[in-house]
Protein backbone atom coordinates (compact mmCIF):
# COMPACT_ATOMS: atom_id res chain seq x y z
CA MET A 1 -42.40 -21.44 -68.28
CA ILE A 2 -40.56 -18.17 -68.28
CA ALA A 3 -41.69 -15.71 -71.00
CA ASN A 4 -39.45 -12.24 -70.28
CA ASP A 5 -37.10 -11.01 -68.95
CA GLN A 6 -38.39 -9.95 -65.84
CA GLU A 7 -39.74 -13.79 -65.04
CA LEU A 8 -36.29 -15.02 -65.44
CA VAL A 9 -34.92 -12.37 -62.95
CA GLY A 10 -37.81 -13.54 -60.48
CA VAL A 11 -36.80 -17.12 -60.56
CA LYS A 12 -32.85 -16.42 -60.99
CA GLU A 13 -33.42 -14.28 -57.40
CA ARG A 14 -35.71 -17.74 -56.12
CA ILE A 15 -32.54 -20.47 -57.29
CA ALA A 16 -30.54 -18.14 -54.94
CA TYR A 17 -33.64 -18.41 -52.35
CA PHE A 18 -33.24 -22.59 -52.62
CA GLU A 19 -29.64 -22.04 -52.67
CA ARG A 20 -28.72 -19.96 -49.64
CA LEU A 21 -31.35 -22.32 -47.48
CA LEU A 22 -30.24 -25.78 -48.66
CA GLY A 23 -26.80 -24.92 -47.36
CA GLN A 24 -28.35 -23.55 -44.41
CA LEU A 25 -30.15 -26.84 -43.98
CA ARG A 26 -26.74 -28.73 -44.46
CA ALA A 27 -25.09 -26.95 -41.85
CA THR A 28 -27.73 -26.78 -39.47
CA ALA A 29 -30.28 -30.35 -39.67
CA ALA A 30 -29.07 -33.79 -38.39
CA PRO A 31 -27.74 -35.85 -41.41
CA GLU A 32 -31.04 -38.27 -41.84
CA GLU A 33 -33.13 -35.10 -42.22
CA PHE A 34 -31.08 -33.15 -44.03
CA ARG A 35 -31.64 -36.23 -46.76
CA MET A 36 -34.97 -36.13 -46.76
CA MET A 37 -35.54 -32.73 -47.07
CA ALA A 38 -32.96 -31.49 -49.29
CA GLY A 39 -34.28 -34.41 -52.06
CA GLY A 40 -37.52 -32.10 -52.59
CA TYR A 41 -35.53 -28.53 -53.03
CA ARG A 42 -32.98 -30.01 -55.26
CA ALA A 43 -35.90 -31.36 -57.53
CA GLU A 44 -37.10 -27.70 -57.38
CA LEU A 45 -33.80 -26.28 -58.24
CA GLU A 46 -33.15 -28.47 -61.42
CA ARG A 47 -36.35 -27.71 -62.61
CA MET A 48 -35.84 -24.23 -62.38
CA GLN A 49 -32.47 -24.22 -63.63
CA ALA A 50 -33.52 -26.21 -66.90
CA GLU A 51 -36.23 -23.58 -66.95
CA VAL A 52 -33.59 -20.45 -67.11
CA ALA A 53 -31.50 -22.70 -69.63
CA ASP A 54 -34.70 -23.05 -72.26
CA TYR A 55 -35.64 -19.03 -71.49
CA LEU A 56 -32.08 -18.02 -72.63
CA THR A 57 -31.20 -20.59 -75.51
CA ARG A 58 -35.11 -19.76 -77.26
CA PRO A 59 -34.15 -17.12 -79.61
CA LEU A 60 -36.27 -14.30 -79.52
CA ASP A 61 -39.21 -13.94 -81.69
CA THR A 62 -39.90 -10.21 -83.87
CA GLN A 63 -41.83 -8.87 -81.11
CA GLU A 64 -39.01 -9.47 -78.70
CA ARG A 65 -36.54 -8.09 -80.57
CA VAL A 66 -38.35 -4.77 -81.20
CA MET A 67 -38.84 -4.47 -77.27
CA ALA A 68 -35.83 -5.52 -76.88
CA ALA A 69 -33.80 -3.06 -78.87
């Protein structure tokens, strides 16, 4: 679970890394090999994307509002 904006940046960087990795694998791996490998990366991407969406749609609490101002 993402707790703050700093962690949000880290998760977004990790998402970008996984997307680049999948793009490279898609271009270089044999189709059978890619199918086996892509599922795990996709699941992790979807999990991280859901974390980002959860964090961004959660209202700020009072302390976070003060810090953001």
